[in-house]
Amino acid sequence: MTSRRALLAGAAGLLAALAGCSTGDGGSGGDDSDGGDDTDATTEPGSGTDEASNGGSSDEEDDADGATSADPDDLDLREANVTGVAVASEGDGEYRFDVTLVHDDDGEDGYANWWQVETCGGQRLGRRDLAHAHGTEGFTRSTTVSVPDDVDRVVVRGHDQTHEYGGQAAVVAVENGETRFVRQGADPERNVC
């Protein structure tokens, strides 16, 4: 029997194979470089927040208490919003993270320039640098991160050149991929777990 994580990882891989990062000129746009994986998949804004990609979590609460949002209309697109995360074990404490961001790169001087995986205590475990703007469409990038055995949840945060941290982050259970989306605020030290 196929596990949900394997199914999600397979779906993310299929999307990556079928869709590329478009720069609007028909080019591949795949010039993001960080030495990590170059998996690209373009998604509709907010589509990464459905049950299939968030481990079944669909919590929706008020923004005032650092809560979640599954509605892309509720997101501040000036911020680098994490709207989808798929995680799959690659063995020996290595996990592949497929992260979808939504950011209005067309409406500002800056763009979403990285996302990172960190512990609930704020220790960075891995970072995926983004080398160019992606317009207003959601886009997915992947990288493999070493996660210590004693870490059961991680935070995935987006970052943009203009506003730095802010927008929507994701708290992800490493073992089963269950995801909870939270408003992270501008303070990177804020514990959202």
N, C-alpha and C. Protein backbone atom coordinates (compact mmCIF):
# COMPACT_ATOMS: atom_id res chain seq x y z
N MET A 1 0.85 -1.18 0.00
CA MET A 1 0.00 0.00 0.00
C MET A 1 0.89 1.24 0.00
N THR A 2 0.57 2.19 -0.81
CA THR A 2 1.35 3.42 -0.94
C THR A 2 1.01 4.38 0.19
N SER A 3 2.03 4.95 0.83
CA SER A 3 1.80 5.92 1.90
C SER A 3 1.39 7.25 1.30
N ARG A 4 0.71 8.05 2.10
CA ARG A 4 0.28 9.38 1.66
C ARG A 4 1.49 10.23 1.26
N ARG A 5 2.57 10.13 2.04
CA ARG A 5 3.77 10.90 1.74
C ARG A 5 4.35 10.51 0.39
N ALA A 6 4.40 9.21 0.11
CA ALA A 6 4.92 8.76 -1.17
C ALA A 6 4.02 9.23 -2.31
N LEU A 7 2.71 9.21 -2.08
CA LEU A 7 1.77 9.69 -3.08
C LEU A 7 1.97 11.17 -3.35
N LEU A 8 2.11 11.96 -2.28
CA LEU A 8 2.33 13.40 -2.43
C LEU A 8 3.65 13.69 -3.13
N ALA A 9 4.69 12.96 -2.75
CA ALA A 9 5.99 13.16 -3.38
C ALA A 9 5.93 12.80 -4.86
N GLY A 10 5.22 11.73 -5.18
CA GLY A 10 5.06 11.35 -6.58
C GLY A 10 4.29 12.38 -7.37
N ALA A 11 3.23 12.91 -6.76
CA ALA A 11 2.44 13.95 -7.42
C ALA A 11 3.27 15.21 -7.65
N ALA A 12 4.07 15.58 -6.65
CA ALA A 12 4.93 16.76 -6.80
C ALA A 12 5.96 16.53 -7.89
N GLY A 13 6.51 15.33 -7.95
CA GLY A 13 7.48 15.01 -8.99
C GLY A 13 6.85 15.04 -10.37
N LEU A 14 5.61 14.54 -10.48
CA LEU A 14 4.91 14.57 -11.75
C LEU A 14 4.64 16.00 -12.19
N LEU A 15 4.18 16.83 -11.26
CA LEU A 15 3.96 18.24 -11.59
C LEU A 15 5.25 18.90 -12.04
N ALA A 16 6.34 18.57 -11.36
CA ALA A 16 7.63 19.17 -11.72
C ALA A 16 8.05 18.76 -13.12
N ALA A 17 7.76 17.53 -13.48
CA ALA A 17 8.14 17.05 -14.81
C ALA A 17 7.28 17.67 -15.91
N LEU A 18 6.02 17.96 -15.58
CA LEU A 18 5.09 18.47 -16.58
C LEU A 18 5.10 19.98 -16.74
N ALA A 19 5.51 20.70 -15.70
CA ALA A 19 5.43 22.17 -15.75
C ALA A 19 6.78 22.77 -15.43
N GLY A 20 7.12 23.81 -16.10
CA GLY A 20 8.37 24.51 -15.86
C GLY A 20 8.10 25.89 -15.32
N CYS A 21 9.13 26.56 -14.91
CA CYS A 21 9.02 27.93 -14.44
C CYS A 21 9.05 28.82 -15.66
N SER A 22 7.97 29.48 -15.97
CA SER A 22 7.90 30.31 -17.16
C SER A 22 8.25 31.74 -16.84
N THR A 23 9.07 32.34 -17.67
CA THR A 23 9.43 33.73 -17.50
C THR A 23 8.56 34.63 -18.35
N GLY A 24 7.55 34.05 -19.01
CA GLY A 24 6.65 34.82 -19.83
C GLY A 24 7.13 34.94 -21.27
N ASP A 25 8.36 34.55 -21.58
CA ASP A 25 8.87 34.65 -22.94
C ASP A 25 9.04 33.28 -23.58
N GLY A 26 8.49 32.26 -22.91
CA GLY A 26 8.60 30.91 -23.43
C GLY A 26 9.88 30.22 -23.02
N GLY A 27 10.78 30.93 -22.32
CA GLY A 27 12.03 30.34 -21.86
C GLY A 27 11.80 29.47 -20.66
N SER A 28 12.79 28.74 -20.29
CA SER A 28 12.64 27.83 -19.16
C SER A 28 12.65 28.54 -17.84
N GLY A 29 13.33 29.66 -17.73
CA GLY A 29 13.37 30.40 -16.48
C GLY A 29 14.01 29.65 -15.35
N GLY A 30 14.65 28.54 -15.60
CA GLY A 30 15.18 27.71 -14.54
C GLY A 30 16.58 28.09 -14.13
N ASP A 31 16.83 29.38 -13.91
CA ASP A 31 18.19 29.78 -13.55
C ASP A 31 18.37 30.00 -12.06
N ASP A 32 17.42 29.50 -11.24
CA ASP A 32 17.63 29.54 -9.80
C ASP A 32 18.77 28.59 -9.50
N SER A 33 19.70 29.02 -8.65
CA SER A 33 20.78 28.11 -8.35
C SER A 33 21.15 28.20 -6.89
N ASP A 34 21.28 27.04 -6.29
CA ASP A 34 21.75 26.97 -4.92
C ASP A 34 22.48 25.67 -4.69
N GLY A 35 22.72 24.94 -5.75
CA GLY A 35 23.35 23.64 -5.62
C GLY A 35 22.35 22.58 -5.24
N GLY A 36 21.07 22.98 -5.02
CA GLY A 36 20.03 22.04 -4.66
C GLY A 36 19.32 21.55 -5.91
N ASP A 37 18.18 20.92 -5.69
CA ASP A 37 17.39 20.41 -6.79
C ASP A 37 16.81 21.56 -7.59
N ASP A 38 16.57 21.35 -8.87
CA ASP A 38 16.00 22.38 -9.73
C ASP A 38 14.58 22.06 -10.13
N THR A 39 13.84 21.33 -9.32
CA THR A 39 12.48 20.98 -9.64
C THR A 39 11.63 22.23 -9.69
N ASP A 40 10.89 22.37 -10.79
CA ASP A 40 9.99 23.50 -10.98
C ASP A 40 8.58 22.97 -11.19
N ALA A 41 7.61 23.64 -10.62
CA ALA A 41 6.22 23.39 -10.93
C ALA A 41 5.47 24.67 -10.68
N THR A 42 4.65 25.07 -11.63
CA THR A 42 3.87 26.28 -11.47
C THR A 42 2.47 25.87 -11.06
N THR A 43 1.95 26.55 -10.04
CA THR A 43 0.61 26.26 -9.55
C THR A 43 -0.17 27.54 -9.46
N GLU A 44 -1.47 27.40 -9.35
CA GLU A 44 -2.30 28.57 -9.14
C GLU A 44 -2.07 29.07 -7.72
N PRO A 45 -2.13 30.40 -7.50
CA PRO A 45 -1.94 30.93 -6.15
C PRO A 45 -2.90 30.27 -5.17
N GLY A 46 -2.33 29.78 -4.06
CA GLY A 46 -3.13 29.18 -3.00
C GLY A 46 -3.48 27.73 -3.24
N SER A 47 -3.20 27.19 -4.43
CA SER A 47 -3.61 25.82 -4.70
C SER A 47 -2.86 24.83 -3.84
N GLY A 48 -1.73 25.21 -3.26
CA GLY A 48 -0.97 24.31 -2.41
C GLY A 48 -1.57 24.15 -1.04
N THR A 49 -2.71 24.79 -0.77
CA THR A 49 -3.29 24.73 0.55
C THR A 49 -4.48 23.79 0.62
N ASP A 50 -4.72 22.98 -0.42
CA ASP A 50 -5.84 22.07 -0.34
C ASP A 50 -5.44 20.84 0.47
N GLU A 51 -6.41 19.96 0.71
CA GLU A 51 -6.13 18.81 1.56
C GLU A 51 -5.01 17.93 1.02
N ALA A 52 -4.90 17.81 -0.28
CA ALA A 52 -3.90 16.92 -0.85
C ALA A 52 -2.48 17.35 -0.55
N SER A 53 -2.25 18.64 -0.37
CA SER A 53 -0.88 19.07 -0.18
C SER A 53 -0.55 19.55 1.21
N ASN A 54 -1.51 19.53 2.11
CA ASN A 54 -1.18 19.99 3.45
C ASN A 54 -1.42 18.92 4.50
N GLY A 55 -1.39 17.69 4.08
CA GLY A 55 -1.49 16.60 5.03
C GLY A 55 -2.87 16.48 5.65
N GLY A 56 -3.89 17.08 5.01
CA GLY A 56 -5.23 16.99 5.52
C GLY A 56 -5.59 18.10 6.47
N SER A 57 -4.66 18.96 6.81
CA SER A 57 -4.94 20.07 7.70
C SER A 57 -5.65 21.16 6.95
N SER A 58 -6.75 21.66 7.50
CA SER A 58 -7.45 22.75 6.84
C SER A 58 -7.89 23.78 7.85
N ASP A 59 -7.11 23.96 8.90
CA ASP A 59 -7.42 24.95 9.92
C ASP A 59 -7.49 26.32 9.30
N GLU A 60 -8.57 27.08 9.62
CA GLU A 60 -8.66 28.46 9.19
C GLU A 60 -9.09 29.27 10.40
N GLU A 61 -8.27 30.25 10.79
CA GLU A 61 -8.53 31.06 11.95
C GLU A 61 -8.29 32.51 11.61
N ASP A 62 -8.50 33.41 12.58
CA ASP A 62 -8.27 34.83 12.37
C ASP A 62 -6.79 35.12 12.23
N ASP A 63 -6.47 36.16 11.42
CA ASP A 63 -5.08 36.58 11.25
C ASP A 63 -4.50 37.13 12.53
N ALA A 64 -5.33 37.71 13.38
CA ALA A 64 -4.85 38.39 14.58
C ALA A 64 -4.09 37.46 15.52
N ASP A 65 -4.43 36.18 15.53
CA ASP A 65 -3.75 35.29 16.46
C ASP A 65 -2.72 34.40 15.77
N GLY A 66 -2.21 34.85 14.64
CA GLY A 66 -1.15 34.10 13.98
C GLY A 66 -1.66 32.84 13.34
N ALA A 67 -2.84 32.89 12.76
CA ALA A 67 -3.51 31.70 12.30
C ALA A 67 -3.24 31.39 10.83
N THR A 68 -4.06 30.51 10.32
CA THR A 68 -3.87 29.98 8.98
C THR A 68 -4.74 30.67 7.96
N SER A 69 -4.45 30.40 6.70
CA SER A 69 -5.29 30.89 5.62
C SER A 69 -5.21 29.92 4.46
N ALA A 70 -6.35 29.46 4.01
CA ALA A 70 -6.38 28.62 2.82
C ALA A 70 -6.90 29.41 1.63
N ASP A 71 -7.26 30.66 1.83
CA ASP A 71 -7.82 31.51 0.78
C ASP A 71 -6.75 32.46 0.26
N PRO A 72 -6.33 32.32 -1.01
CA PRO A 72 -5.28 33.20 -1.54
C PRO A 72 -5.67 34.67 -1.52
N ASP A 73 -6.97 34.96 -1.51
CA ASP A 73 -7.41 36.36 -1.44
C ASP A 73 -7.08 36.98 -0.09
N ASP A 74 -6.85 36.16 0.93
CA ASP A 74 -6.52 36.65 2.26
C ASP A 74 -5.02 36.91 2.44
N LEU A 75 -4.20 36.52 1.48
CA LEU A 75 -2.75 36.66 1.61
C LEU A 75 -2.30 38.04 1.16
N ASP A 76 -1.30 38.58 1.85
CA ASP A 76 -0.66 39.81 1.43
C ASP A 76 0.40 39.42 0.41
N LEU A 77 0.12 39.64 -0.86
CA LEU A 77 1.01 39.17 -1.92
C LEU A 77 2.31 39.97 -2.02
N ARG A 78 2.44 41.01 -1.20
CA ARG A 78 3.73 41.71 -1.13
C ARG A 78 4.74 40.89 -0.34
N GLU A 79 4.25 39.92 0.42
CA GLU A 79 5.09 39.04 1.24
C GLU A 79 5.32 37.72 0.50
N ALA A 80 6.36 37.00 0.88
CA ALA A 80 6.64 35.68 0.31
C ALA A 80 5.85 34.65 1.12
N ASN A 81 4.71 34.24 0.61
CA ASN A 81 3.80 33.34 1.30
C ASN A 81 4.05 31.89 0.91
N VAL A 82 4.22 31.03 1.91
CA VAL A 82 4.32 29.59 1.69
C VAL A 82 2.88 29.08 1.59
N THR A 83 2.52 28.49 0.45
CA THR A 83 1.16 28.00 0.27
C THR A 83 1.08 26.49 0.11
N GLY A 84 2.21 25.82 0.04
CA GLY A 84 2.21 24.37 -0.07
C GLY A 84 3.56 23.79 0.30
N VAL A 85 3.54 22.65 0.99
CA VAL A 85 4.78 21.94 1.34
C VAL A 85 4.51 20.44 1.23
N ALA A 86 5.38 19.75 0.53
CA ALA A 86 5.38 18.29 0.52
C ALA A 86 6.75 17.87 1.01
N VAL A 87 6.78 16.87 1.88
CA VAL A 87 8.05 16.41 2.44
C VAL A 87 8.13 14.89 2.28
N ALA A 88 9.30 14.40 1.89
CA ALA A 88 9.49 12.97 1.70
C ALA A 88 10.87 12.58 2.22
N SER A 89 10.91 11.47 2.96
CA SER A 89 12.18 10.97 3.48
C SER A 89 13.00 10.38 2.34
N GLU A 90 14.29 10.72 2.35
CA GLU A 90 15.22 10.13 1.40
C GLU A 90 16.21 9.22 2.12
N GLY A 91 15.96 8.94 3.42
CA GLY A 91 16.81 8.07 4.20
C GLY A 91 17.92 8.81 4.92
N ASP A 92 18.42 8.21 5.98
CA ASP A 92 19.54 8.75 6.76
C ASP A 92 19.33 10.18 7.23
N GLY A 93 18.10 10.53 7.61
CA GLY A 93 17.81 11.87 8.13
C GLY A 93 17.70 12.95 7.08
N GLU A 94 17.72 12.56 5.81
CA GLU A 94 17.59 13.52 4.70
C GLU A 94 16.13 13.55 4.25
N TYR A 95 15.59 14.76 4.05
CA TYR A 95 14.21 14.93 3.61
C TYR A 95 14.16 15.90 2.44
N ARG A 96 13.38 15.54 1.45
CA ARG A 96 13.17 16.42 0.31
C ARG A 96 11.94 17.28 0.61
N PHE A 97 12.11 18.60 0.49
CA PHE A 97 11.02 19.55 0.68
C PHE A 97 10.67 20.18 -0.66
N ASP A 98 9.41 20.06 -1.06
CA ASP A 98 8.87 20.72 -2.25
C ASP A 98 8.00 21.85 -1.72
N VAL A 99 8.42 23.09 -1.91
CA VAL A 99 7.77 24.25 -1.29
C VAL A 99 7.20 25.16 -2.38
N THR A 100 5.92 25.51 -2.22
CA THR A 100 5.26 26.43 -3.14
C THR A 100 5.14 27.79 -2.47
N LEU A 101 5.59 28.82 -3.19
CA LEU A 101 5.49 30.21 -2.73
C LEU A 101 4.58 30.99 -3.66
N VAL A 102 3.90 32.00 -3.09
CA VAL A 102 3.15 32.98 -3.87
C VAL A 102 3.62 34.35 -3.42
N HIS A 103 4.01 35.18 -4.39
CA HIS A 103 4.49 36.54 -4.10
C HIS A 103 4.27 37.37 -5.35
N ASP A 104 3.86 38.62 -5.19
CA ASP A 104 3.65 39.50 -6.34
C ASP A 104 4.98 40.11 -6.76
N ASP A 105 5.75 39.35 -7.51
CA ASP A 105 7.06 39.82 -7.96
C ASP A 105 6.94 40.92 -9.01
N ASP A 106 5.78 41.01 -9.68
CA ASP A 106 5.59 42.03 -10.71
C ASP A 106 5.27 43.39 -10.11
N GLY A 107 4.72 43.42 -8.89
CA GLY A 107 4.24 44.67 -8.32
C GLY A 107 5.23 45.43 -7.47
N GLU A 108 6.48 44.97 -7.36
CA GLU A 108 7.46 45.62 -6.50
C GLU A 108 8.85 45.58 -7.12
N ASP A 109 9.76 46.28 -6.45
CA ASP A 109 11.15 46.26 -6.89
C ASP A 109 11.83 44.93 -6.56
N GLY A 110 11.45 44.32 -5.44
CA GLY A 110 12.10 43.08 -5.01
C GLY A 110 11.29 41.86 -5.41
N TYR A 111 11.81 40.69 -5.07
CA TYR A 111 11.13 39.44 -5.35
C TYR A 111 11.39 38.45 -4.22
N ALA A 112 10.64 37.35 -4.21
CA ALA A 112 10.87 36.29 -3.23
C ALA A 112 12.23 35.68 -3.54
N ASN A 113 13.20 35.89 -2.64
CA ASN A 113 14.57 35.49 -2.95
C ASN A 113 15.05 34.23 -2.22
N TRP A 114 14.28 33.70 -1.29
CA TRP A 114 14.60 32.40 -0.72
C TRP A 114 13.47 31.90 0.15
N TRP A 115 13.54 30.61 0.46
CA TRP A 115 12.74 30.02 1.52
C TRP A 115 13.68 29.13 2.31
N GLN A 116 13.32 28.92 3.58
CA GLN A 116 14.19 28.09 4.41
C GLN A 116 13.38 27.17 5.30
N VAL A 117 14.05 26.10 5.73
CA VAL A 117 13.50 25.14 6.68
C VAL A 117 14.28 25.33 7.96
N GLU A 118 13.56 25.46 9.08
CA GLU A 118 14.22 25.66 10.37
C GLU A 118 13.49 24.89 11.46
N THR A 119 14.18 24.71 12.58
CA THR A 119 13.55 24.07 13.74
C THR A 119 12.57 25.05 14.36
N CYS A 120 11.74 24.55 15.26
CA CYS A 120 10.81 25.43 15.98
C CYS A 120 11.56 26.45 16.83
N GLY A 121 12.80 26.15 17.18
CA GLY A 121 13.63 27.07 17.94
C GLY A 121 14.36 28.09 17.08
N GLY A 122 14.18 28.02 15.76
CA GLY A 122 14.77 29.01 14.87
C GLY A 122 16.11 28.64 14.24
N GLN A 123 16.62 27.42 14.49
CA GLN A 123 17.88 27.00 13.88
C GLN A 123 17.64 26.62 12.42
N ARG A 124 18.34 27.29 11.50
CA ARG A 124 18.16 26.99 10.08
C ARG A 124 18.78 25.64 9.75
N LEU A 125 17.99 24.78 9.10
CA LEU A 125 18.44 23.47 8.67
C LEU A 125 18.81 23.45 7.19
N GLY A 126 18.17 24.32 6.42
CA GLY A 126 18.44 24.37 4.99
C GLY A 126 17.75 25.57 4.37
N ARG A 127 18.28 26.00 3.23
CA ARG A 127 17.72 27.17 2.56
C ARG A 127 17.78 26.96 1.05
N ARG A 128 16.73 27.38 0.36
CA ARG A 128 16.67 27.31 -1.10
C ARG A 128 16.66 28.74 -1.63
N ASP A 129 17.77 29.15 -2.25
CA ASP A 129 17.87 30.48 -2.83
C ASP A 129 17.14 30.52 -4.17
N LEU A 130 16.54 31.67 -4.46
CA LEU A 130 15.82 31.88 -5.71
C LEU A 130 16.51 33.03 -6.44
N ALA A 131 16.87 32.83 -7.68
CA ALA A 131 17.72 33.77 -8.39
C ALA A 131 16.99 34.82 -9.22
N HIS A 132 15.67 34.68 -9.37
CA HIS A 132 14.95 35.64 -10.21
C HIS A 132 13.48 35.73 -9.80
N ALA A 133 12.81 36.76 -10.30
CA ALA A 133 11.38 36.95 -10.03
C ALA A 133 10.56 35.89 -10.75
N HIS A 134 9.37 35.62 -10.21
CA HIS A 134 8.48 34.61 -10.77
C HIS A 134 7.10 35.16 -11.11
N GLY A 135 6.95 36.47 -11.22
CA GLY A 135 5.65 37.04 -11.56
C GLY A 135 4.67 36.90 -10.42
N THR A 136 3.42 36.67 -10.74
CA THR A 136 2.38 36.59 -9.72
C THR A 136 1.84 35.18 -9.55
N GLU A 137 2.35 34.23 -10.30
CA GLU A 137 1.91 32.84 -10.19
C GLU A 137 2.64 32.14 -9.04
N GLY A 138 1.96 31.18 -8.43
CA GLY A 138 2.63 30.35 -7.45
C GLY A 138 3.69 29.50 -8.15
N PHE A 139 4.77 29.19 -7.46
CA PHE A 139 5.83 28.37 -8.04
C PHE A 139 6.40 27.48 -6.96
N THR A 140 6.89 26.33 -7.38
CA THR A 140 7.41 25.32 -6.45
C THR A 140 8.88 25.06 -6.73
N ARG A 141 9.66 25.02 -5.66
CA ARG A 141 11.08 24.67 -5.74
C ARG A 141 11.36 23.61 -4.68
N SER A 142 12.36 22.81 -4.92
CA SER A 142 12.68 21.69 -4.04
C SER A 142 14.14 21.72 -3.64
N THR A 143 14.39 21.18 -2.46
CA THR A 143 15.75 20.93 -2.02
C THR A 143 15.72 19.85 -0.94
N THR A 144 16.86 19.25 -0.69
CA THR A 144 16.97 18.22 0.33
C THR A 144 17.67 18.81 1.55
N VAL A 145 17.12 18.50 2.73
CA VAL A 145 17.58 19.08 3.99
C VAL A 145 17.84 17.95 4.99
N SER A 146 18.92 18.05 5.75
CA SER A 146 19.19 17.12 6.86
C SER A 146 18.39 17.58 8.07
N VAL A 147 17.58 16.68 8.61
CA VAL A 147 16.77 17.00 9.79
C VAL A 147 17.23 16.09 10.92
N PRO A 148 17.68 16.66 12.05
CA PRO A 148 18.12 15.84 13.18
C PRO A 148 17.01 14.90 13.67
N ASP A 149 17.41 13.74 14.20
CA ASP A 149 16.45 12.74 14.67
C ASP A 149 15.50 13.26 15.73
N ASP A 150 15.96 14.21 16.56
CA ASP A 150 15.11 14.69 17.65
C ASP A 150 14.15 15.81 17.23
N VAL A 151 14.13 16.17 15.96
CA VAL A 151 13.24 17.22 15.46
C VAL A 151 12.04 16.55 14.80
N ASP A 152 10.83 16.81 15.34
CA ASP A 152 9.64 16.21 14.76
C ASP A 152 8.81 17.20 13.94
N ARG A 153 9.02 18.50 14.15
CA ARG A 153 8.32 19.53 13.38
C ARG A 153 9.34 20.57 12.92
N VAL A 154 9.09 21.13 11.75
CA VAL A 154 9.94 22.20 11.22
C VAL A 154 9.04 23.34 10.75
N VAL A 155 9.66 24.51 10.58
CA VAL A 155 8.96 25.67 10.04
C VAL A 155 9.57 25.97 8.67
N VAL A 156 8.71 26.21 7.69
CA VAL A 156 9.15 26.63 6.37
C VAL A 156 8.70 28.07 6.20
N ARG A 157 9.68 28.97 6.02
CA ARG A 157 9.42 30.40 5.91
C ARG A 157 9.88 30.93 4.56
N GLY A 158 9.08 31.83 3.99
CA GLY A 158 9.47 32.52 2.78
C GLY A 158 10.12 33.85 3.13
N HIS A 159 10.91 34.39 2.21
CA HIS A 159 11.62 35.66 2.43
C HIS A 159 11.62 36.42 1.12
N ASP A 160 11.43 37.75 1.19
CA ASP A 160 11.56 38.55 -0.03
C ASP A 160 12.51 39.71 0.19
N GLN A 161 13.04 40.23 -0.90
CA GLN A 161 14.07 41.27 -0.84
C GLN A 161 13.59 42.54 -0.17
N THR A 162 12.34 42.90 -0.36
CA THR A 162 11.84 44.18 0.15
C THR A 162 11.37 44.11 1.59
N HIS A 163 10.53 43.12 1.91
CA HIS A 163 9.91 43.04 3.24
C HIS A 163 10.58 42.03 4.16
N GLU A 164 11.53 41.29 3.65
CA GLU A 164 12.20 40.22 4.39
C GLU A 164 11.17 39.16 4.78
N TYR A 165 11.07 38.80 6.07
CA TYR A 165 10.11 37.78 6.49
C TYR A 165 8.73 38.40 6.66
N GLY A 166 7.72 37.58 6.56
CA GLY A 166 6.34 38.03 6.71
C GLY A 166 5.44 37.09 5.93
N GLY A 167 4.18 37.39 5.91
CA GLY A 167 3.25 36.55 5.16
C GLY A 167 2.99 35.23 5.85
N GLN A 168 2.69 34.23 5.06
CA GLN A 168 2.29 32.93 5.57
C GLN A 168 3.47 31.95 5.58
N ALA A 169 3.65 31.28 6.72
CA ALA A 169 4.66 30.23 6.86
C ALA A 169 3.93 28.91 7.06
N ALA A 170 4.68 27.82 7.11
CA ALA A 170 4.09 26.50 7.32
C ALA A 170 4.85 25.78 8.43
N VAL A 171 4.10 25.16 9.33
CA VAL A 171 4.66 24.27 10.35
C VAL A 171 4.36 22.85 9.85
N VAL A 172 5.42 22.06 9.68
CA VAL A 172 5.29 20.75 9.04
C VAL A 172 5.78 19.65 9.97
N ALA A 173 4.95 18.61 10.14
CA ALA A 173 5.36 17.42 10.87
C ALA A 173 6.23 16.59 9.92
N VAL A 174 7.48 16.37 10.30
CA VAL A 174 8.44 15.73 9.41
C VAL A 174 8.02 14.30 9.07
N GLU A 175 7.53 13.55 10.03
CA GLU A 175 7.23 12.14 9.83
C GLU A 175 6.08 11.91 8.85
N ASN A 176 4.99 12.69 8.96
CA ASN A 176 3.82 12.42 8.11
C ASN A 176 3.46 13.55 7.15
N GLY A 177 4.18 14.66 7.20
CA GLY A 177 3.93 15.76 6.27
C GLY A 177 2.75 16.64 6.62
N GLU A 178 2.09 16.37 7.75
CA GLU A 178 0.95 17.20 8.13
C GLU A 178 1.41 18.65 8.24
N THR A 179 0.65 19.55 7.63
CA THR A 179 1.05 20.95 7.52
C THR A 179 -0.01 21.87 8.09
N ARG A 180 0.45 22.86 8.86
CA ARG A 180 -0.43 23.90 9.40
C ARG A 180 0.14 25.23 8.94
N PHE A 181 -0.68 26.05 8.29
CA PHE A 181 -0.23 27.35 7.80
C PHE A 181 -0.50 28.41 8.84
N VAL A 182 0.48 29.30 9.06
CA VAL A 182 0.38 30.35 10.08
C VAL A 182 0.89 31.66 9.51
N ARG A 183 0.37 32.76 10.05
CA ARG A 183 0.90 34.09 9.70
C ARG A 183 2.14 34.28 10.55
N GLN A 184 3.28 34.44 9.92
CA GLN A 184 4.54 34.48 10.67
C GLN A 184 4.89 35.86 11.19
N GLY A 185 4.40 36.92 10.58
CA GLY A 185 4.80 38.25 10.99
C GLY A 185 6.21 38.55 10.51
N ALA A 186 6.66 39.77 10.78
CA ALA A 186 7.96 40.22 10.28
C ALA A 186 9.13 39.79 11.15
N ASP A 187 8.86 39.28 12.35
CA ASP A 187 9.92 38.91 13.28
C ASP A 187 10.37 37.47 13.04
N PRO A 188 11.58 37.26 12.48
CA PRO A 188 12.03 35.90 12.21
C PRO A 188 12.29 35.10 13.49
N GLU A 189 12.36 35.76 14.62
CA GLU A 189 12.58 35.07 15.89
C GLU A 189 11.28 34.55 16.50
N ARG A 190 10.14 34.96 15.95
CA ARG A 190 8.84 34.56 16.50
C ARG A 190 8.65 33.05 16.34
N ASN A 191 8.31 32.38 17.44
CA ASN A 191 8.08 30.95 17.41
C ASN A 191 6.64 30.71 16.95
N VAL A 192 6.47 30.11 15.79
CA VAL A 192 5.15 29.86 15.25
C VAL A 192 4.69 28.42 15.48
N CYS A 193 5.53 27.62 16.15
CA CYS A 193 5.17 26.23 16.41
C CYS A 193 4.15 26.17 17.53
